């Protein structure tokens, strides 16, 4: 037997705003609320094909760069069209020292959490 990633927990100042952003980016829905925490995920919910994301309110500012980031891939359009969609949803370009020769784009969500948009399209679930 092995483990599966079931949830990702992202500390944030504004769970409502990040829930809206990541639901738009990933075509997720709100699944649950527990106090200030909001769980979002695919329509098949917790334990489905994809991990859910819990947006957990934190009042303390992040003090160091996270060692983990998300990579996303478009499922129904090319990378340029997906980049436009993500920027319209509130993503911003982020500079983490890339050379400009990368095949991916480094972006940040509305709270500055870095993620990458990969070039390769993948099949939707």
N, C-alpha and C. Protein backbone atom coordinates (compact mmCIF):
# COMPACT_ATOMS: atom_id res chain seq x y z
N UNK A 1 0.85 -1.18 0.00
CA UNK A 1 0.00 0.00 0.00
C UNK A 1 0.89 1.24 0.00
N UNK A 2 0.33 2.33 -0.47
CA UNK A 2 1.04 3.60 -0.52
C UNK A 2 0.08 4.71 -0.10
N UNK A 3 0.64 5.88 0.12
CA UNK A 3 -0.17 7.05 0.44
C UNK A 3 -0.52 7.81 -0.82
N UNK A 4 -1.56 8.63 -0.74
CA UNK A 4 -1.94 9.57 -1.78
C UNK A 4 -2.02 10.95 -1.17
N UNK A 5 -1.71 11.96 -1.92
CA UNK A 5 -1.92 13.32 -1.44
C UNK A 5 -3.43 13.57 -1.48
N UNK A 6 -4.00 13.87 -0.33
CA UNK A 6 -5.44 14.09 -0.26
C UNK A 6 -5.79 15.57 -0.14
N UNK A 7 -4.93 16.34 0.53
CA UNK A 7 -5.19 17.76 0.72
C UNK A 7 -3.86 18.51 0.67
N UNK A 8 -3.93 19.73 0.20
CA UNK A 8 -2.84 20.68 0.30
C UNK A 8 -3.36 21.80 1.17
N UNK A 9 -2.57 22.26 2.12
CA UNK A 9 -3.00 23.33 3.01
C UNK A 9 -2.15 24.56 2.71
N UNK A 10 -2.82 25.67 2.43
CA UNK A 10 -2.14 26.91 2.10
C UNK A 10 -2.54 27.97 3.10
N UNK A 11 -1.59 28.40 3.90
CA UNK A 11 -1.83 29.49 4.83
C UNK A 11 -1.96 30.79 4.07
N UNK A 12 -2.92 31.63 4.47
CA UNK A 12 -3.15 32.87 3.72
C UNK A 12 -3.83 33.90 4.61
N UNK A 13 -3.75 35.15 4.19
CA UNK A 13 -4.41 36.23 4.92
C UNK A 13 -5.90 36.30 4.61
N UNK A 14 -6.28 35.98 3.36
CA UNK A 14 -7.67 36.15 2.92
C UNK A 14 -8.16 34.88 2.22
N UNK A 15 -8.64 33.90 2.99
CA UNK A 15 -9.11 32.66 2.38
C UNK A 15 -10.20 32.86 1.33
N UNK A 16 -11.10 33.82 1.53
CA UNK A 16 -12.17 34.07 0.56
C UNK A 16 -11.60 34.44 -0.80
N UNK A 17 -10.68 35.39 -0.82
CA UNK A 17 -10.10 35.86 -2.09
C UNK A 17 -9.31 34.74 -2.76
N UNK A 18 -8.52 34.01 -2.00
CA UNK A 18 -7.73 32.93 -2.62
C UNK A 18 -8.62 31.78 -3.07
N UNK A 19 -9.69 31.52 -2.35
CA UNK A 19 -10.63 30.48 -2.80
C UNK A 19 -11.22 30.85 -4.15
N UNK A 20 -11.63 32.10 -4.31
CA UNK A 20 -12.16 32.55 -5.60
C UNK A 20 -11.12 32.40 -6.70
N UNK A 21 -9.89 32.83 -6.42
CA UNK A 21 -8.83 32.77 -7.42
C UNK A 21 -8.55 31.32 -7.83
N UNK A 22 -8.28 30.45 -6.86
CA UNK A 22 -7.90 29.07 -7.19
C UNK A 22 -9.09 28.28 -7.77
N UNK A 23 -10.32 28.60 -7.37
CA UNK A 23 -11.48 27.96 -8.01
C UNK A 23 -11.54 28.34 -9.48
N UNK A 24 -11.26 29.59 -9.80
CA UNK A 24 -11.24 30.03 -11.19
C UNK A 24 -10.11 29.35 -11.96
N UNK A 25 -8.93 29.31 -11.38
CA UNK A 25 -7.77 28.72 -12.06
C UNK A 25 -7.97 27.23 -12.32
N UNK A 26 -8.45 26.51 -11.31
CA UNK A 26 -8.51 25.04 -11.38
C UNK A 26 -9.89 24.49 -11.70
N UNK A 27 -10.88 25.34 -11.88
CA UNK A 27 -12.27 24.92 -12.06
C UNK A 27 -12.72 24.07 -10.86
N UNK A 28 -12.36 24.53 -9.67
CA UNK A 28 -12.76 23.90 -8.41
C UNK A 28 -14.01 24.58 -7.88
N UNK A 29 -14.59 23.96 -6.87
CA UNK A 29 -15.74 24.52 -6.16
C UNK A 29 -15.44 24.50 -4.67
N UNK A 30 -16.18 25.31 -3.93
CA UNK A 30 -16.06 25.26 -2.48
C UNK A 30 -16.71 23.98 -1.98
N UNK A 31 -15.99 23.24 -1.15
CA UNK A 31 -16.50 21.98 -0.63
C UNK A 31 -16.93 22.07 0.83
N UNK A 32 -16.20 22.89 1.61
CA UNK A 32 -16.48 22.90 3.05
C UNK A 32 -15.90 24.17 3.65
N UNK A 33 -16.44 24.53 4.81
CA UNK A 33 -15.90 25.63 5.62
C UNK A 33 -15.83 25.13 7.05
N UNK A 34 -14.74 25.51 7.69
CA UNK A 34 -14.56 25.20 9.10
C UNK A 34 -13.95 26.43 9.75
N UNK A 35 -14.78 27.24 10.37
CA UNK A 35 -14.29 28.52 10.89
C UNK A 35 -13.86 29.40 9.74
N UNK A 36 -12.60 29.87 9.80
CA UNK A 36 -12.06 30.71 8.74
C UNK A 36 -11.48 29.89 7.59
N UNK A 37 -11.36 28.59 7.74
CA UNK A 37 -10.76 27.74 6.71
C UNK A 37 -11.79 27.38 5.65
N UNK A 38 -11.35 27.40 4.39
CA UNK A 38 -12.21 27.04 3.27
C UNK A 38 -11.53 25.91 2.50
N UNK A 39 -12.27 24.83 2.26
CA UNK A 39 -11.75 23.73 1.46
C UNK A 39 -12.36 23.80 0.07
N UNK A 40 -11.49 23.79 -0.94
CA UNK A 40 -11.94 23.79 -2.32
C UNK A 40 -11.42 22.53 -3.01
N UNK A 41 -12.11 22.12 -4.06
CA UNK A 41 -11.65 20.93 -4.77
C UNK A 41 -12.51 20.66 -5.99
N UNK A 42 -12.16 19.58 -6.66
CA UNK A 42 -12.94 19.14 -7.82
C UNK A 42 -14.33 18.73 -7.35
N UNK A 43 -15.23 18.66 -8.27
CA UNK A 43 -16.63 18.35 -7.92
C UNK A 43 -16.81 16.97 -7.30
N UNK A 44 -15.85 16.07 -7.53
CA UNK A 44 -15.96 14.74 -6.90
C UNK A 44 -15.52 14.76 -5.44
N UNK A 45 -15.04 15.92 -4.95
CA UNK A 45 -14.78 16.12 -3.53
C UNK A 45 -13.55 15.45 -2.97
N UNK A 46 -13.48 15.48 -1.65
CA UNK A 46 -12.35 14.90 -0.93
C UNK A 46 -12.23 13.42 -1.26
N UNK A 47 -11.01 12.98 -1.49
CA UNK A 47 -10.78 11.57 -1.80
C UNK A 47 -10.96 11.25 -3.27
N UNK A 48 -11.28 12.27 -4.08
CA UNK A 48 -11.46 12.06 -5.52
C UNK A 48 -10.12 11.96 -6.23
N UNK A 49 -10.14 12.22 -7.52
CA UNK A 49 -8.94 12.06 -8.34
C UNK A 49 -7.87 13.11 -8.07
N UNK A 50 -8.28 14.27 -7.55
CA UNK A 50 -7.33 15.34 -7.27
C UNK A 50 -7.37 15.68 -5.78
N UNK A 51 -6.25 16.15 -5.23
CA UNK A 51 -6.28 16.60 -3.85
C UNK A 51 -7.11 17.88 -3.72
N UNK A 52 -7.67 18.08 -2.57
CA UNK A 52 -8.36 19.33 -2.29
C UNK A 52 -7.34 20.32 -1.74
N UNK A 53 -7.74 21.58 -1.69
CA UNK A 53 -6.88 22.64 -1.13
C UNK A 53 -7.64 23.28 0.01
N UNK A 54 -6.99 23.34 1.15
CA UNK A 54 -7.57 24.04 2.30
C UNK A 54 -6.84 25.38 2.42
N UNK A 55 -7.62 26.44 2.36
CA UNK A 55 -7.09 27.79 2.52
C UNK A 55 -7.32 28.18 3.97
N UNK A 56 -6.22 28.24 4.70
CA UNK A 56 -6.27 28.41 6.15
C UNK A 56 -5.78 29.80 6.54
N UNK A 57 -6.66 30.54 7.23
CA UNK A 57 -6.30 31.91 7.62
C UNK A 57 -5.11 31.91 8.58
N UNK A 58 -4.13 32.73 8.23
CA UNK A 58 -2.97 32.97 9.09
C UNK A 58 -2.76 34.46 9.17
N UNK A 59 -2.55 34.96 10.37
CA UNK A 59 -2.35 36.40 10.54
C UNK A 59 -0.87 36.77 10.50
N UNK A 60 0.00 35.81 10.79
CA UNK A 60 1.44 36.10 10.76
C UNK A 60 1.93 36.10 9.32
N UNK A 61 2.70 37.12 8.93
CA UNK A 61 3.22 37.13 7.56
C UNK A 61 4.24 36.01 7.36
N UNK A 62 4.32 35.52 6.14
CA UNK A 62 5.32 34.50 5.81
C UNK A 62 6.70 35.10 6.01
N UNK A 63 7.59 34.36 6.63
CA UNK A 63 8.91 34.89 6.93
C UNK A 63 9.99 34.36 5.99
N UNK A 64 9.69 33.34 5.24
CA UNK A 64 10.66 32.82 4.30
C UNK A 64 9.96 32.23 3.09
N UNK A 65 10.73 32.04 2.04
CA UNK A 65 10.18 31.49 0.80
C UNK A 65 9.77 30.03 1.03
N UNK A 66 8.54 29.67 0.61
CA UNK A 66 8.13 28.27 0.74
C UNK A 66 9.02 27.36 -0.11
N UNK A 67 9.18 26.15 0.32
CA UNK A 67 10.01 25.20 -0.41
C UNK A 67 9.18 24.36 -1.37
N UNK A 68 7.89 24.60 -1.43
CA UNK A 68 6.99 23.86 -2.30
C UNK A 68 6.16 24.85 -3.09
N UNK A 69 5.97 24.57 -4.38
CA UNK A 69 5.07 25.38 -5.18
C UNK A 69 4.28 24.46 -6.09
N UNK A 70 3.19 24.98 -6.64
CA UNK A 70 2.35 24.22 -7.55
C UNK A 70 2.75 24.48 -8.99
N UNK A 71 2.65 23.47 -9.83
CA UNK A 71 2.75 23.60 -11.27
C UNK A 71 1.38 23.28 -11.84
N UNK A 72 0.91 24.10 -12.77
CA UNK A 72 -0.37 23.85 -13.42
C UNK A 72 -0.16 23.73 -14.92
N UNK A 73 -1.03 22.97 -15.56
CA UNK A 73 -0.99 22.77 -17.01
C UNK A 73 -2.39 22.97 -17.57
N UNK A 74 -2.47 23.64 -18.70
CA UNK A 74 -3.76 23.84 -19.35
C UNK A 74 -4.30 22.51 -19.86
N UNK A 75 -5.62 22.40 -19.90
CA UNK A 75 -6.25 21.18 -20.40
C UNK A 75 -6.98 21.41 -21.72
N UNK A 76 -7.38 22.65 -22.01
CA UNK A 76 -8.22 22.87 -23.18
C UNK A 76 -7.79 24.03 -24.05
N UNK A 77 -6.59 24.50 -23.88
CA UNK A 77 -6.08 25.63 -24.68
C UNK A 77 -4.56 25.61 -24.63
N UNK A 78 -3.93 26.39 -25.48
CA UNK A 78 -2.46 26.43 -25.46
C UNK A 78 -1.98 27.30 -24.30
N UNK A 79 -0.68 27.28 -24.07
CA UNK A 79 -0.10 27.98 -22.94
C UNK A 79 -0.36 29.49 -23.00
N UNK A 80 -0.25 30.09 -24.17
CA UNK A 80 -0.45 31.54 -24.28
C UNK A 80 -1.88 31.94 -23.89
N UNK A 81 -2.85 31.19 -24.37
CA UNK A 81 -4.24 31.49 -24.03
C UNK A 81 -4.50 31.27 -22.55
N UNK A 82 -3.90 30.23 -21.98
CA UNK A 82 -4.07 29.98 -20.55
C UNK A 82 -3.40 31.06 -19.72
N UNK A 83 -2.25 31.53 -20.16
CA UNK A 83 -1.56 32.62 -19.47
C UNK A 83 -2.46 33.85 -19.42
N UNK A 84 -3.08 34.20 -20.52
CA UNK A 84 -4.00 35.34 -20.55
C UNK A 84 -5.14 35.14 -19.56
N UNK A 85 -5.69 33.94 -19.50
CA UNK A 85 -6.79 33.64 -18.59
C UNK A 85 -6.36 33.80 -17.13
N UNK A 86 -5.17 33.28 -16.81
CA UNK A 86 -4.67 33.35 -15.43
C UNK A 86 -4.38 34.80 -15.02
N UNK A 87 -3.80 35.58 -15.92
CA UNK A 87 -3.54 36.98 -15.62
C UNK A 87 -4.85 37.74 -15.40
N UNK A 88 -5.86 37.44 -16.21
CA UNK A 88 -7.17 38.09 -16.04
C UNK A 88 -7.82 37.69 -14.72
N UNK A 89 -7.52 36.49 -14.23
CA UNK A 89 -8.09 36.01 -12.96
C UNK A 89 -7.39 36.62 -11.75
N UNK A 90 -6.24 37.28 -11.96
CA UNK A 90 -5.55 37.92 -10.84
C UNK A 90 -4.12 37.47 -10.62
N UNK A 91 -3.63 36.54 -11.42
CA UNK A 91 -2.23 36.13 -11.30
C UNK A 91 -1.33 37.26 -11.79
N UNK A 92 -0.11 37.27 -11.31
CA UNK A 92 0.88 38.24 -11.76
C UNK A 92 2.16 37.49 -12.07
N UNK A 93 2.98 38.07 -12.94
CA UNK A 93 4.29 37.48 -13.21
C UNK A 93 5.15 37.59 -11.96
N UNK A 94 5.97 36.58 -11.72
CA UNK A 94 6.88 36.58 -10.57
C UNK A 94 8.29 36.32 -11.07
N UNK A 95 9.25 37.00 -10.49
CA UNK A 95 10.65 36.81 -10.85
C UNK A 95 11.35 36.08 -9.71
N UNK A 96 11.74 34.85 -9.99
CA UNK A 96 12.48 34.07 -8.99
C UNK A 96 13.89 33.74 -9.50
N UNK A 97 14.33 34.53 -10.49
CA UNK A 97 15.66 34.33 -11.03
C UNK A 97 15.69 33.51 -12.31
N UNK A 98 14.55 33.33 -12.96
CA UNK A 98 14.54 32.58 -14.20
C UNK A 98 15.31 33.34 -15.28
N UNK A 99 15.75 32.62 -16.30
CA UNK A 99 16.59 33.19 -17.36
C UNK A 99 15.79 33.79 -18.51
N UNK A 100 14.54 33.43 -18.66
CA UNK A 100 13.75 33.84 -19.80
C UNK A 100 13.75 32.79 -20.90
N UNK A 101 14.55 31.76 -20.74
CA UNK A 101 14.63 30.67 -21.70
C UNK A 101 13.73 29.50 -21.30
N UNK A 102 13.11 29.57 -20.16
CA UNK A 102 12.28 28.48 -19.66
C UNK A 102 11.05 28.30 -20.54
N UNK A 103 10.54 27.10 -20.58
CA UNK A 103 9.32 26.83 -21.34
C UNK A 103 8.08 27.08 -20.50
N UNK A 104 8.23 27.45 -19.26
CA UNK A 104 7.12 27.70 -18.35
C UNK A 104 7.12 29.17 -17.93
N UNK A 105 5.98 29.61 -17.39
CA UNK A 105 5.85 30.95 -16.85
C UNK A 105 5.75 30.86 -15.34
N UNK A 106 6.48 31.71 -14.65
CA UNK A 106 6.42 31.79 -13.19
C UNK A 106 5.44 32.90 -12.84
N UNK A 107 4.43 32.54 -12.07
CA UNK A 107 3.36 33.46 -11.70
C UNK A 107 3.20 33.46 -10.18
N UNK A 108 2.43 34.41 -9.69
CA UNK A 108 2.08 34.46 -8.28
C UNK A 108 0.58 34.68 -8.16
N UNK A 109 -0.02 34.04 -7.17
CA UNK A 109 -1.45 34.26 -6.90
C UNK A 109 -1.62 35.62 -6.20
N UNK A 110 -2.83 36.04 -5.89
CA UNK A 110 -3.03 37.37 -5.29
C UNK A 110 -2.31 37.60 -3.97
N UNK A 111 -1.87 36.56 -3.29
CA UNK A 111 -1.12 36.75 -2.04
C UNK A 111 0.37 36.53 -2.23
N UNK A 112 0.80 36.34 -3.48
CA UNK A 112 2.23 36.20 -3.74
C UNK A 112 2.76 34.78 -3.73
N UNK A 113 1.88 33.78 -3.59
CA UNK A 113 2.33 32.38 -3.64
C UNK A 113 2.69 32.04 -5.07
N UNK A 114 3.91 31.58 -5.27
CA UNK A 114 4.43 31.32 -6.60
C UNK A 114 3.91 29.99 -7.13
N UNK A 115 3.56 29.98 -8.43
CA UNK A 115 3.22 28.74 -9.12
C UNK A 115 3.67 28.88 -10.56
N UNK A 116 3.79 27.77 -11.25
CA UNK A 116 4.27 27.79 -12.63
C UNK A 116 3.20 27.26 -13.57
N UNK A 117 3.09 27.90 -14.73
CA UNK A 117 2.24 27.43 -15.81
C UNK A 117 3.14 26.72 -16.81
N UNK A 118 2.96 25.40 -16.91
CA UNK A 118 3.80 24.61 -17.80
C UNK A 118 3.32 24.72 -19.24
N UNK A 119 4.19 24.41 -20.17
CA UNK A 119 3.86 24.49 -21.59
C UNK A 119 3.00 23.33 -22.04
N UNK A 120 3.28 22.14 -21.55
CA UNK A 120 2.60 20.93 -21.99
C UNK A 120 1.15 20.89 -21.52
N UNK A 121 0.23 20.66 -22.44
CA UNK A 121 -1.16 20.46 -22.09
C UNK A 121 -1.36 19.04 -21.58
N UNK A 122 -2.30 18.88 -20.68
CA UNK A 122 -2.64 17.54 -20.19
C UNK A 122 -4.13 17.32 -20.40
N UNK A 123 -4.52 16.07 -20.40
CA UNK A 123 -5.92 15.71 -20.57
C UNK A 123 -6.71 16.06 -19.31
N UNK A 124 -7.92 16.59 -19.45
CA UNK A 124 -8.75 16.83 -18.26
C UNK A 124 -9.14 15.50 -17.62
N UNK A 125 -9.45 15.56 -16.35
CA UNK A 125 -9.90 14.35 -15.64
C UNK A 125 -11.32 14.03 -15.97
